Amino acid sequence: MSRKSVRRVSAAALAALGLGTAVTAGGGAVANAEPAPPTSTSMSCSSANPLFWAPSFTWNIRAASGASLRPGAPALEPAILLSGGNELPAPPPGLIPSFGINWYGTRVLVDWHNTTTGATGRSVSEEANFQQKPGIPINRTWTGTGAVSFTVTVETGAGLRFINPQKAVCKGTISVVPA
């Protein structure tokens, strides 16, 4: 082989080595990147029953990225929206609700931290009282967009939320996307 051929082969080998290193390094950076959390999650958390004669139960909560209208705001804003229920038996159907002593009151607190923006906050739901089958009251948590870690605390009381309140605590992380 001539000197010129050796140089060409060496240059080609170095270029191939450099390209291979760049592809490997680039692929490694993507492979090690942490994926964004999902835009919704389901959680379960247990609670003692505020009615001392009734059994403990489990809340099943779904948190999802959504949009809601903040009071006084002109447009929808990104928010965490909650829904869910529990395993307590449903009251018997009928025109008139059964009268009895199995009534519940519920309120939901959401403590959140947007890890993308650094913002934190707390939202407090409306209270739902005198329900025979408690559910998750209307709750809107305006967090801005990004990855948001949060703690949901469901307070359940006997008839009213503040009578013998029991707490169930669930934690999750979701991506809140633009409205």
N, C-alpha and C. Protein backbone atom coordinates (compact mmCIF):
# COMPACT_ATOMS: atom_id res chain seq x y z
N MET A 1 0.83 -1.17 0.00
CA MET A 1 0.00 0.00 0.00
C MET A 1 0.88 1.23 0.00
N SER A 2 0.40 2.19 -0.71
CA SER A 2 1.15 3.43 -0.75
C SER A 2 0.83 4.27 0.48
N ARG A 3 1.69 5.25 0.66
CA ARG A 3 1.52 6.14 1.80
C ARG A 3 0.18 6.88 1.71
N LYS A 4 -0.24 7.26 0.52
CA LYS A 4 -1.50 7.97 0.30
C LYS A 4 -2.68 7.08 0.68
N SER A 5 -2.63 5.81 0.34
CA SER A 5 -3.70 4.86 0.66
C SER A 5 -3.80 4.66 2.17
N VAL A 6 -2.64 4.56 2.83
CA VAL A 6 -2.62 4.37 4.28
C VAL A 6 -3.27 5.57 4.97
N ARG A 7 -2.97 6.76 4.47
CA ARG A 7 -3.58 7.96 5.05
C ARG A 7 -5.10 7.95 4.88
N ARG A 8 -5.54 7.57 3.69
CA ARG A 8 -6.99 7.54 3.43
C ARG A 8 -7.68 6.52 4.33
N VAL A 9 -7.11 5.35 4.44
CA VAL A 9 -7.69 4.30 5.29
C VAL A 9 -7.69 4.75 6.75
N SER A 10 -6.60 5.35 7.18
CA SER A 10 -6.52 5.84 8.56
C SER A 10 -7.53 6.95 8.81
N ALA A 11 -7.66 7.87 7.86
CA ALA A 11 -8.64 8.96 8.01
C ALA A 11 -10.06 8.40 8.05
N ALA A 12 -10.35 7.43 7.19
CA ALA A 12 -11.68 6.82 7.17
C ALA A 12 -11.95 6.08 8.49
N ALA A 13 -10.92 5.38 9.00
CA ALA A 13 -11.09 4.66 10.26
C ALA A 13 -11.33 5.62 11.41
N LEU A 14 -10.58 6.73 11.46
CA LEU A 14 -10.78 7.74 12.52
C LEU A 14 -12.16 8.39 12.41
N ALA A 15 -12.61 8.68 11.19
CA ALA A 15 -13.94 9.28 11.00
C ALA A 15 -15.02 8.31 11.46
N ALA A 16 -14.88 7.05 11.12
CA ALA A 16 -15.87 6.05 11.54
C ALA A 16 -15.87 5.90 13.06
N LEU A 17 -14.69 5.91 13.67
CA LEU A 17 -14.59 5.82 15.11
C LEU A 17 -15.25 7.04 15.78
N GLY A 18 -14.99 8.22 15.24
CA GLY A 18 -15.58 9.45 15.78
C GLY A 18 -17.09 9.44 15.64
N LEU A 19 -17.60 9.01 14.48
CA LEU A 19 -19.04 8.94 14.26
C LEU A 19 -19.68 7.92 15.20
N GLY A 20 -19.03 6.78 15.36
CA GLY A 20 -19.54 5.75 16.28
C GLY A 20 -19.60 6.26 17.71
N THR A 21 -18.57 7.00 18.13
CA THR A 21 -18.54 7.57 19.48
C THR A 21 -19.66 8.60 19.64
N ALA A 22 -19.86 9.45 18.64
CA ALA A 22 -20.91 10.47 18.71
C ALA A 22 -22.29 9.83 18.78
N VAL A 23 -22.52 8.80 17.98
CA VAL A 23 -23.82 8.11 18.00
C VAL A 23 -24.03 7.44 19.35
N THR A 24 -22.99 6.78 19.86
CA THR A 24 -23.10 6.11 21.15
C THR A 24 -23.36 7.11 22.27
N ALA A 25 -22.62 8.20 22.27
CA ALA A 25 -22.80 9.21 23.32
C ALA A 25 -24.17 9.84 23.22
N GLY A 26 -24.62 10.15 22.01
CA GLY A 26 -25.94 10.74 21.83
C GLY A 26 -27.03 9.77 22.25
N GLY A 27 -26.88 8.51 21.87
CA GLY A 27 -27.87 7.50 22.27
C GLY A 27 -27.88 7.31 23.77
N GLY A 28 -26.72 7.39 24.40
CA GLY A 28 -26.65 7.23 25.85
C GLY A 28 -27.35 8.35 26.57
N ALA A 29 -27.24 9.56 26.04
CA ALA A 29 -27.90 10.71 26.69
C ALA A 29 -29.40 10.56 26.62
N VAL A 30 -29.91 10.09 25.49
CA VAL A 30 -31.36 9.90 25.35
C VAL A 30 -31.80 8.73 26.22
N ALA A 31 -31.04 7.66 26.25
CA ALA A 31 -31.43 6.50 27.03
C ALA A 31 -31.46 6.81 28.53
N ASN A 32 -30.60 7.72 29.00
CA ASN A 32 -30.57 8.03 30.42
C ASN A 32 -31.54 9.13 30.82
N ALA A 33 -32.18 9.80 29.84
CA ALA A 33 -33.13 10.87 30.16
C ALA A 33 -34.34 10.27 30.87
N GLU A 34 -34.81 10.95 31.90
CA GLU A 34 -35.96 10.46 32.66
C GLU A 34 -37.24 10.77 31.89
N PRO A 35 -38.10 9.78 31.68
CA PRO A 35 -39.33 10.03 30.93
C PRO A 35 -40.28 10.92 31.74
N ALA A 36 -41.09 11.66 31.02
CA ALA A 36 -42.09 12.52 31.69
C ALA A 36 -43.14 11.63 32.34
N PRO A 37 -43.70 12.05 33.47
CA PRO A 37 -44.75 11.25 34.10
C PRO A 37 -45.99 11.22 33.20
N PRO A 38 -46.87 10.26 33.40
CA PRO A 38 -48.09 10.19 32.59
C PRO A 38 -49.02 11.37 32.91
N THR A 39 -50.03 11.57 32.08
CA THR A 39 -50.95 12.68 32.30
C THR A 39 -52.12 12.30 33.21
N SER A 40 -52.14 11.06 33.68
CA SER A 40 -53.15 10.66 34.66
C SER A 40 -52.62 9.50 35.49
N THR A 41 -53.21 9.31 36.65
CA THR A 41 -52.81 8.21 37.51
C THR A 41 -54.00 7.80 38.38
N SER A 42 -54.00 6.56 38.81
CA SER A 42 -55.01 6.06 39.75
C SER A 42 -54.32 5.70 41.04
N MET A 43 -54.97 6.01 42.16
CA MET A 43 -54.39 5.77 43.47
C MET A 43 -55.45 5.14 44.38
N SER A 44 -55.00 4.39 45.35
CA SER A 44 -55.88 3.84 46.38
C SER A 44 -55.28 4.13 47.74
N CYS A 45 -56.12 4.53 48.69
CA CYS A 45 -55.65 4.76 50.05
C CYS A 45 -56.77 4.43 51.02
N SER A 46 -56.39 3.89 52.15
CA SER A 46 -57.36 3.41 53.14
C SER A 46 -57.72 4.49 54.15
N SER A 47 -58.91 4.32 54.73
CA SER A 47 -59.39 5.26 55.73
C SER A 47 -60.18 4.50 56.79
N ALA A 48 -60.01 4.91 58.03
CA ALA A 48 -60.89 4.42 59.07
C ALA A 48 -62.26 5.05 58.82
N ASN A 49 -63.30 4.40 59.27
CA ASN A 49 -64.64 4.92 59.07
C ASN A 49 -64.98 5.87 60.22
N PRO A 50 -65.51 7.06 59.95
CA PRO A 50 -65.86 7.98 61.03
C PRO A 50 -67.06 7.47 61.85
N LEU A 51 -67.82 6.54 61.28
CA LEU A 51 -68.93 5.91 62.01
C LEU A 51 -68.34 4.72 62.75
N PHE A 52 -68.27 4.79 64.06
CA PHE A 52 -67.53 3.79 64.82
C PHE A 52 -68.06 2.37 64.63
N TRP A 53 -69.28 2.18 64.21
CA TRP A 53 -69.84 0.85 64.03
C TRP A 53 -69.60 0.30 62.61
N ALA A 54 -69.09 1.13 61.72
CA ALA A 54 -68.91 0.71 60.33
C ALA A 54 -67.44 0.35 60.05
N PRO A 55 -67.21 -0.51 59.05
CA PRO A 55 -65.83 -0.96 58.76
C PRO A 55 -65.01 0.11 58.04
N SER A 56 -63.69 -0.07 58.10
CA SER A 56 -62.78 0.79 57.33
C SER A 56 -63.06 0.60 55.85
N PHE A 57 -62.58 1.52 55.03
CA PHE A 57 -62.80 1.40 53.60
C PHE A 57 -61.64 2.01 52.83
N THR A 58 -61.66 1.81 51.51
CA THR A 58 -60.59 2.29 50.64
C THR A 58 -61.16 3.30 49.64
N TRP A 59 -60.44 4.43 49.49
CA TRP A 59 -60.76 5.41 48.46
C TRP A 59 -60.01 5.04 47.19
N ASN A 60 -60.67 5.13 46.04
CA ASN A 60 -60.05 4.93 44.73
C ASN A 60 -60.14 6.28 44.02
N ILE A 61 -58.98 6.89 43.79
CA ILE A 61 -58.94 8.25 43.27
C ILE A 61 -58.20 8.26 41.94
N ARG A 62 -58.74 9.00 41.00
CA ARG A 62 -58.08 9.21 39.71
C ARG A 62 -57.75 10.69 39.59
N ALA A 63 -56.47 10.98 39.31
CA ALA A 63 -56.01 12.35 39.08
C ALA A 63 -55.60 12.44 37.62
N ALA A 64 -56.04 13.51 36.94
CA ALA A 64 -55.73 13.66 35.53
C ALA A 64 -55.44 15.12 35.20
N SER A 65 -54.59 15.29 34.19
CA SER A 65 -54.34 16.63 33.67
C SER A 65 -55.59 17.07 32.93
N GLY A 66 -55.99 18.31 33.17
CA GLY A 66 -57.18 18.83 32.51
C GLY A 66 -57.11 20.34 32.48
N ALA A 67 -58.27 20.95 32.33
CA ALA A 67 -58.36 22.41 32.31
C ALA A 67 -59.62 22.81 33.03
N SER A 68 -59.54 23.93 33.72
CA SER A 68 -60.69 24.43 34.45
C SER A 68 -60.65 25.95 34.45
N LEU A 69 -61.81 26.54 34.61
CA LEU A 69 -61.92 27.99 34.62
C LEU A 69 -61.78 28.50 36.04
N ARG A 70 -60.73 29.25 36.27
CA ARG A 70 -60.49 29.87 37.57
C ARG A 70 -61.49 31.02 37.72
N PRO A 71 -62.04 31.23 38.91
CA PRO A 71 -62.98 32.34 39.09
C PRO A 71 -62.37 33.67 38.63
N GLY A 72 -63.07 34.35 37.75
CA GLY A 72 -62.61 35.64 37.25
C GLY A 72 -61.63 35.56 36.09
N ALA A 73 -61.20 34.37 35.71
CA ALA A 73 -60.25 34.23 34.60
C ALA A 73 -61.02 34.18 33.28
N PRO A 74 -60.41 34.70 32.21
CA PRO A 74 -61.11 34.73 30.92
C PRO A 74 -61.03 33.41 30.14
N ALA A 75 -60.11 32.52 30.50
CA ALA A 75 -59.94 31.29 29.73
C ALA A 75 -59.60 30.13 30.65
N LEU A 76 -59.74 28.93 30.11
CA LEU A 76 -59.39 27.72 30.85
C LEU A 76 -57.90 27.70 31.16
N GLU A 77 -57.55 27.17 32.32
CA GLU A 77 -56.15 27.07 32.73
C GLU A 77 -55.83 25.61 33.06
N PRO A 78 -54.56 25.18 32.86
CA PRO A 78 -54.17 23.81 33.18
C PRO A 78 -54.40 23.52 34.66
N ALA A 79 -54.90 22.32 34.95
CA ALA A 79 -55.21 21.96 36.33
C ALA A 79 -55.16 20.45 36.52
N ILE A 80 -55.06 20.04 37.78
CA ILE A 80 -55.25 18.63 38.14
C ILE A 80 -56.73 18.49 38.50
N LEU A 81 -57.39 17.52 37.89
CA LEU A 81 -58.79 17.25 38.18
C LEU A 81 -58.89 15.88 38.84
N LEU A 82 -59.65 15.79 39.93
CA LEU A 82 -59.80 14.54 40.67
C LEU A 82 -61.20 13.97 40.49
N SER A 83 -61.27 12.66 40.51
CA SER A 83 -62.55 11.95 40.53
C SER A 83 -62.34 10.67 41.32
N GLY A 84 -63.41 10.00 41.66
CA GLY A 84 -63.26 8.73 42.35
C GLY A 84 -64.37 8.46 43.32
N GLY A 85 -64.19 7.40 44.06
CA GLY A 85 -65.19 6.96 45.02
C GLY A 85 -64.56 5.99 45.99
N ASN A 86 -65.40 5.14 46.57
CA ASN A 86 -64.92 4.18 47.55
C ASN A 86 -65.73 2.92 47.47
N GLU A 87 -65.38 1.97 48.31
CA GLU A 87 -66.02 0.66 48.27
C GLU A 87 -67.19 0.53 49.23
N LEU A 88 -67.60 1.64 49.85
CA LEU A 88 -68.76 1.57 50.74
C LEU A 88 -69.99 1.17 49.94
N PRO A 89 -70.91 0.42 50.53
CA PRO A 89 -72.09 0.00 49.78
C PRO A 89 -72.97 1.21 49.43
N ALA A 90 -73.57 1.15 48.26
CA ALA A 90 -74.47 2.22 47.83
C ALA A 90 -75.79 2.10 48.60
N PRO A 91 -76.43 3.23 48.90
CA PRO A 91 -77.72 3.16 49.59
C PRO A 91 -78.77 2.56 48.66
N PRO A 92 -79.85 2.02 49.23
CA PRO A 92 -80.89 1.43 48.39
C PRO A 92 -81.56 2.51 47.53
N PRO A 93 -81.93 2.17 46.29
CA PRO A 93 -82.57 3.16 45.43
C PRO A 93 -84.01 3.44 45.89
N GLY A 94 -84.49 4.60 45.56
CA GLY A 94 -85.87 4.95 45.91
C GLY A 94 -86.09 6.42 45.71
N LEU A 95 -87.35 6.82 45.77
CA LEU A 95 -87.69 8.22 45.61
C LEU A 95 -87.25 9.05 46.80
N ILE A 96 -87.40 8.50 47.97
CA ILE A 96 -87.06 9.21 49.19
C ILE A 96 -85.79 8.59 49.76
N PRO A 97 -84.79 9.39 50.07
CA PRO A 97 -83.58 8.79 50.64
C PRO A 97 -83.89 8.14 51.99
N SER A 98 -83.22 7.04 52.24
CA SER A 98 -83.48 6.36 53.51
C SER A 98 -83.01 7.24 54.65
N PHE A 99 -83.76 7.23 55.70
CA PHE A 99 -83.38 7.98 56.89
C PHE A 99 -82.62 7.04 57.80
N GLY A 100 -81.55 7.51 58.32
CA GLY A 100 -80.77 6.65 59.17
C GLY A 100 -79.57 7.41 59.69
N ILE A 101 -78.66 6.65 60.21
CA ILE A 101 -77.50 7.28 60.83
C ILE A 101 -76.22 7.04 60.04
N ASN A 102 -76.34 6.58 58.80
CA ASN A 102 -75.17 6.31 57.97
C ASN A 102 -74.95 7.44 56.98
N TRP A 103 -74.57 8.61 57.49
CA TRP A 103 -74.33 9.78 56.65
C TRP A 103 -72.86 10.17 56.76
N TYR A 104 -72.33 10.75 55.68
CA TYR A 104 -70.93 11.14 55.64
C TYR A 104 -70.77 12.58 55.13
N GLY A 105 -69.70 13.22 55.54
CA GLY A 105 -69.28 14.50 55.00
C GLY A 105 -67.85 14.36 54.52
N THR A 106 -67.52 15.01 53.40
CA THR A 106 -66.21 14.82 52.80
C THR A 106 -65.62 16.14 52.30
N ARG A 107 -64.31 16.26 52.43
CA ARG A 107 -63.56 17.38 51.85
C ARG A 107 -62.20 16.83 51.39
N VAL A 108 -61.66 17.42 50.33
CA VAL A 108 -60.38 16.98 49.78
C VAL A 108 -59.38 18.13 49.80
N LEU A 109 -58.16 17.84 50.27
CA LEU A 109 -57.05 18.79 50.24
C LEU A 109 -56.00 18.25 49.28
N VAL A 110 -55.44 19.12 48.44
CA VAL A 110 -54.36 18.71 47.54
C VAL A 110 -53.17 19.63 47.76
N ASP A 111 -52.07 19.07 48.26
CA ASP A 111 -50.81 19.80 48.40
C ASP A 111 -49.95 19.41 47.21
N TRP A 112 -49.46 20.39 46.46
CA TRP A 112 -48.75 20.08 45.22
C TRP A 112 -47.43 20.85 45.09
N HIS A 113 -46.56 20.26 44.25
CA HIS A 113 -45.27 20.89 43.93
C HIS A 113 -45.00 20.66 42.45
N ASN A 114 -44.96 21.74 41.67
CA ASN A 114 -44.63 21.65 40.26
C ASN A 114 -43.11 21.61 40.16
N THR A 115 -42.55 20.44 39.87
CA THR A 115 -41.10 20.28 39.84
C THR A 115 -40.47 20.95 38.63
N THR A 116 -41.27 21.28 37.63
CA THR A 116 -40.76 21.98 36.45
C THR A 116 -40.56 23.47 36.74
N THR A 117 -41.53 24.09 37.40
CA THR A 117 -41.46 25.54 37.66
C THR A 117 -41.02 25.88 39.07
N GLY A 118 -41.09 24.91 39.99
CA GLY A 118 -40.74 25.16 41.39
C GLY A 118 -41.91 25.70 42.22
N ALA A 119 -43.06 25.94 41.59
CA ALA A 119 -44.23 26.46 42.31
C ALA A 119 -44.83 25.40 43.22
N THR A 120 -45.41 25.83 44.33
CA THR A 120 -46.10 24.93 45.26
C THR A 120 -47.43 25.56 45.66
N GLY A 121 -48.30 24.75 46.23
CA GLY A 121 -49.56 25.30 46.68
C GLY A 121 -50.45 24.26 47.30
N ARG A 122 -51.64 24.70 47.68
CA ARG A 122 -52.65 23.82 48.27
C ARG A 122 -54.01 24.23 47.74
N SER A 123 -54.81 23.25 47.40
CA SER A 123 -56.19 23.53 47.03
C SER A 123 -57.10 22.79 48.00
N VAL A 124 -58.25 23.38 48.25
CA VAL A 124 -59.24 22.81 49.16
C VAL A 124 -60.55 22.69 48.38
N SER A 125 -61.14 21.51 48.41
CA SER A 125 -62.38 21.28 47.65
C SER A 125 -63.58 21.89 48.35
N GLU A 126 -64.69 21.82 47.64
CA GLU A 126 -65.96 22.12 48.27
C GLU A 126 -66.24 20.99 49.27
N GLU A 127 -67.13 21.23 50.22
CA GLU A 127 -67.51 20.17 51.16
C GLU A 127 -68.82 19.55 50.72
N ALA A 128 -68.89 18.23 50.82
CA ALA A 128 -70.12 17.51 50.54
C ALA A 128 -70.56 16.88 51.86
N ASN A 129 -71.74 17.24 52.35
CA ASN A 129 -72.21 16.76 53.65
C ASN A 129 -73.51 15.97 53.52
N PHE A 130 -73.75 15.14 54.52
CA PHE A 130 -74.94 14.31 54.61
C PHE A 130 -75.16 13.46 53.36
N GLN A 131 -74.11 12.75 52.97
CA GLN A 131 -74.19 11.82 51.84
C GLN A 131 -74.19 10.40 52.37
N GLN A 132 -75.04 9.57 51.80
CA GLN A 132 -75.04 8.17 52.21
C GLN A 132 -73.89 7.40 51.55
N LYS A 133 -73.47 7.82 50.39
CA LYS A 133 -72.35 7.21 49.68
C LYS A 133 -71.39 8.34 49.33
N PRO A 134 -70.36 8.58 50.16
CA PRO A 134 -69.47 9.72 49.90
C PRO A 134 -68.65 9.53 48.64
N GLY A 135 -68.36 10.63 47.98
CA GLY A 135 -67.52 10.63 46.79
C GLY A 135 -66.50 11.75 46.89
N ILE A 136 -65.76 11.94 45.82
CA ILE A 136 -64.77 13.02 45.79
C ILE A 136 -65.49 14.31 45.40
N PRO A 137 -65.52 15.31 46.29
CA PRO A 137 -66.17 16.58 45.95
C PRO A 137 -65.44 17.30 44.82
N ILE A 138 -66.11 18.26 44.22
CA ILE A 138 -65.51 19.04 43.13
C ILE A 138 -64.23 19.68 43.64
N ASN A 139 -63.15 19.44 42.91
CA ASN A 139 -61.84 19.96 43.31
C ASN A 139 -61.08 20.36 42.06
N ARG A 140 -60.57 21.56 42.05
CA ARG A 140 -59.73 22.04 40.94
C ARG A 140 -58.41 22.52 41.54
N THR A 141 -57.33 22.01 41.01
CA THR A 141 -56.01 22.38 41.51
C THR A 141 -55.22 22.97 40.35
N TRP A 142 -55.10 24.30 40.32
CA TRP A 142 -54.38 25.00 39.26
C TRP A 142 -52.89 25.01 39.60
N THR A 143 -52.10 24.26 38.82
CA THR A 143 -50.67 24.08 39.11
C THR A 143 -49.75 24.66 38.05
N GLY A 144 -50.28 25.05 36.91
CA GLY A 144 -49.43 25.40 35.77
C GLY A 144 -48.99 24.11 35.09
N THR A 145 -48.34 24.23 33.94
CA THR A 145 -47.91 23.04 33.21
C THR A 145 -46.57 22.52 33.75
N GLY A 146 -46.35 21.23 33.56
CA GLY A 146 -45.10 20.60 33.98
C GLY A 146 -45.36 19.35 34.79
N ALA A 147 -44.28 18.77 35.30
CA ALA A 147 -44.38 17.58 36.16
C ALA A 147 -44.79 18.05 37.56
N VAL A 148 -45.87 17.46 38.07
CA VAL A 148 -46.41 17.89 39.37
C VAL A 148 -46.52 16.68 40.29
N SER A 149 -45.86 16.76 41.44
CA SER A 149 -46.05 15.75 42.48
C SER A 149 -47.06 16.32 43.48
N PHE A 150 -47.92 15.46 44.00
CA PHE A 150 -49.00 15.94 44.85
C PHE A 150 -49.39 14.91 45.89
N THR A 151 -50.01 15.40 46.95
CA THR A 151 -50.57 14.56 48.00
C THR A 151 -52.05 14.91 48.13
N VAL A 152 -52.90 13.91 48.03
CA VAL A 152 -54.34 14.08 48.18
C VAL A 152 -54.72 13.58 49.56
N THR A 153 -55.37 14.42 50.36
CA THR A 153 -55.86 14.03 51.67
C THR A 153 -57.39 14.12 51.64
N VAL A 154 -58.05 12.98 51.81
CA VAL A 154 -59.50 12.94 51.83
C VAL A 154 -59.94 12.89 53.29
N GLU A 155 -60.67 13.91 53.72
CA GLU A 155 -61.20 13.97 55.09
C GLU A 155 -62.66 13.54 55.04
N THR A 156 -62.98 12.51 55.81
CA THR A 156 -64.35 12.01 55.86
C THR A 156 -64.84 12.06 57.29
N GLY A 157 -66.01 12.68 57.50
CA GLY A 157 -66.58 12.78 58.83
C GLY A 157 -67.95 12.14 58.91
N ALA A 158 -68.48 12.05 60.11
CA ALA A 158 -69.80 11.46 60.35
C ALA A 158 -70.87 12.52 60.13
N GLY A 159 -71.50 12.49 58.97
CA GLY A 159 -72.53 13.47 58.63
C GLY A 159 -71.95 14.76 58.11
N LEU A 160 -71.12 15.38 58.91
CA LEU A 160 -70.39 16.58 58.52
C LEU A 160 -68.90 16.26 58.56
N ARG A 161 -68.12 16.89 57.71
CA ARG A 161 -66.71 16.58 57.57
C ARG A 161 -65.93 16.70 58.88
N PHE A 162 -66.33 17.57 59.76
CA PHE A 162 -65.54 17.83 60.96
C PHE A 162 -65.97 17.00 62.18
N ILE A 163 -66.94 16.10 62.04
CA ILE A 163 -67.35 15.24 63.16
C ILE A 163 -66.61 13.91 63.05
N ASN A 164 -65.74 13.64 64.01
CA ASN A 164 -64.88 12.46 64.02
C ASN A 164 -64.18 12.27 62.66
N PRO A 165 -63.46 13.29 62.18
CA PRO A 165 -62.86 13.18 60.84
C PRO A 165 -61.77 12.10 60.78
N GLN A 166 -61.80 11.37 59.68
CA GLN A 166 -60.79 10.36 59.38
C GLN A 166 -60.12 10.76 58.07
N LYS A 167 -58.83 10.49 57.95
CA LYS A 167 -58.09 10.92 56.77
C LYS A 167 -57.51 9.74 56.01
N ALA A 168 -57.61 9.84 54.69
CA ALA A 168 -56.94 8.91 53.78
C ALA A 168 -55.96 9.74 52.96
N VAL A 169 -54.72 9.28 52.82
CA VAL A 169 -53.69 10.05 52.12
C VAL A 169 -53.13 9.23 50.95
N CYS A 170 -53.20 9.82 49.76
CA CYS A 170 -52.64 9.21 48.54
C CYS A 170 -51.62 10.17 47.95
N LYS A 171 -50.60 9.61 47.29
CA LYS A 171 -49.57 10.45 46.65
C LYS A 171 -49.42 10.01 45.20
N GLY A 172 -49.08 11.00 44.36
CA GLY A 172 -48.89 10.69 42.94
C GLY A 172 -48.09 11.78 42.25
N THR A 173 -47.76 11.51 40.98
CA THR A 173 -47.07 12.47 40.13
C THR A 173 -47.66 12.34 38.73
N ILE A 174 -47.98 13.49 38.12
CA ILE A 174 -48.47 13.49 36.74
C ILE A 174 -47.86 14.68 35.99
N SER A 175 -47.98 14.64 34.67
CA SER A 175 -47.63 15.78 33.83
C SER A 175 -48.90 16.57 33.57
N VAL A 176 -48.89 17.84 33.90
CA VAL A 176 -50.02 18.70 33.60
C VAL A 176 -49.67 19.39 32.28
N VAL A 177 -50.52 19.18 31.28
CA VAL A 177 -50.25 19.69 29.93
C VAL A 177 -51.07 20.96 29.68
N PRO A 178 -50.68 21.76 28.67
CA PRO A 178 -51.41 23.01 28.39
C PRO A 178 -52.89 22.75 28.09
N ALA A 179 -53.70 23.73 28.45
CA ALA A 179 -55.15 23.61 28.26
C ALA A 179 -55.52 23.69 26.80
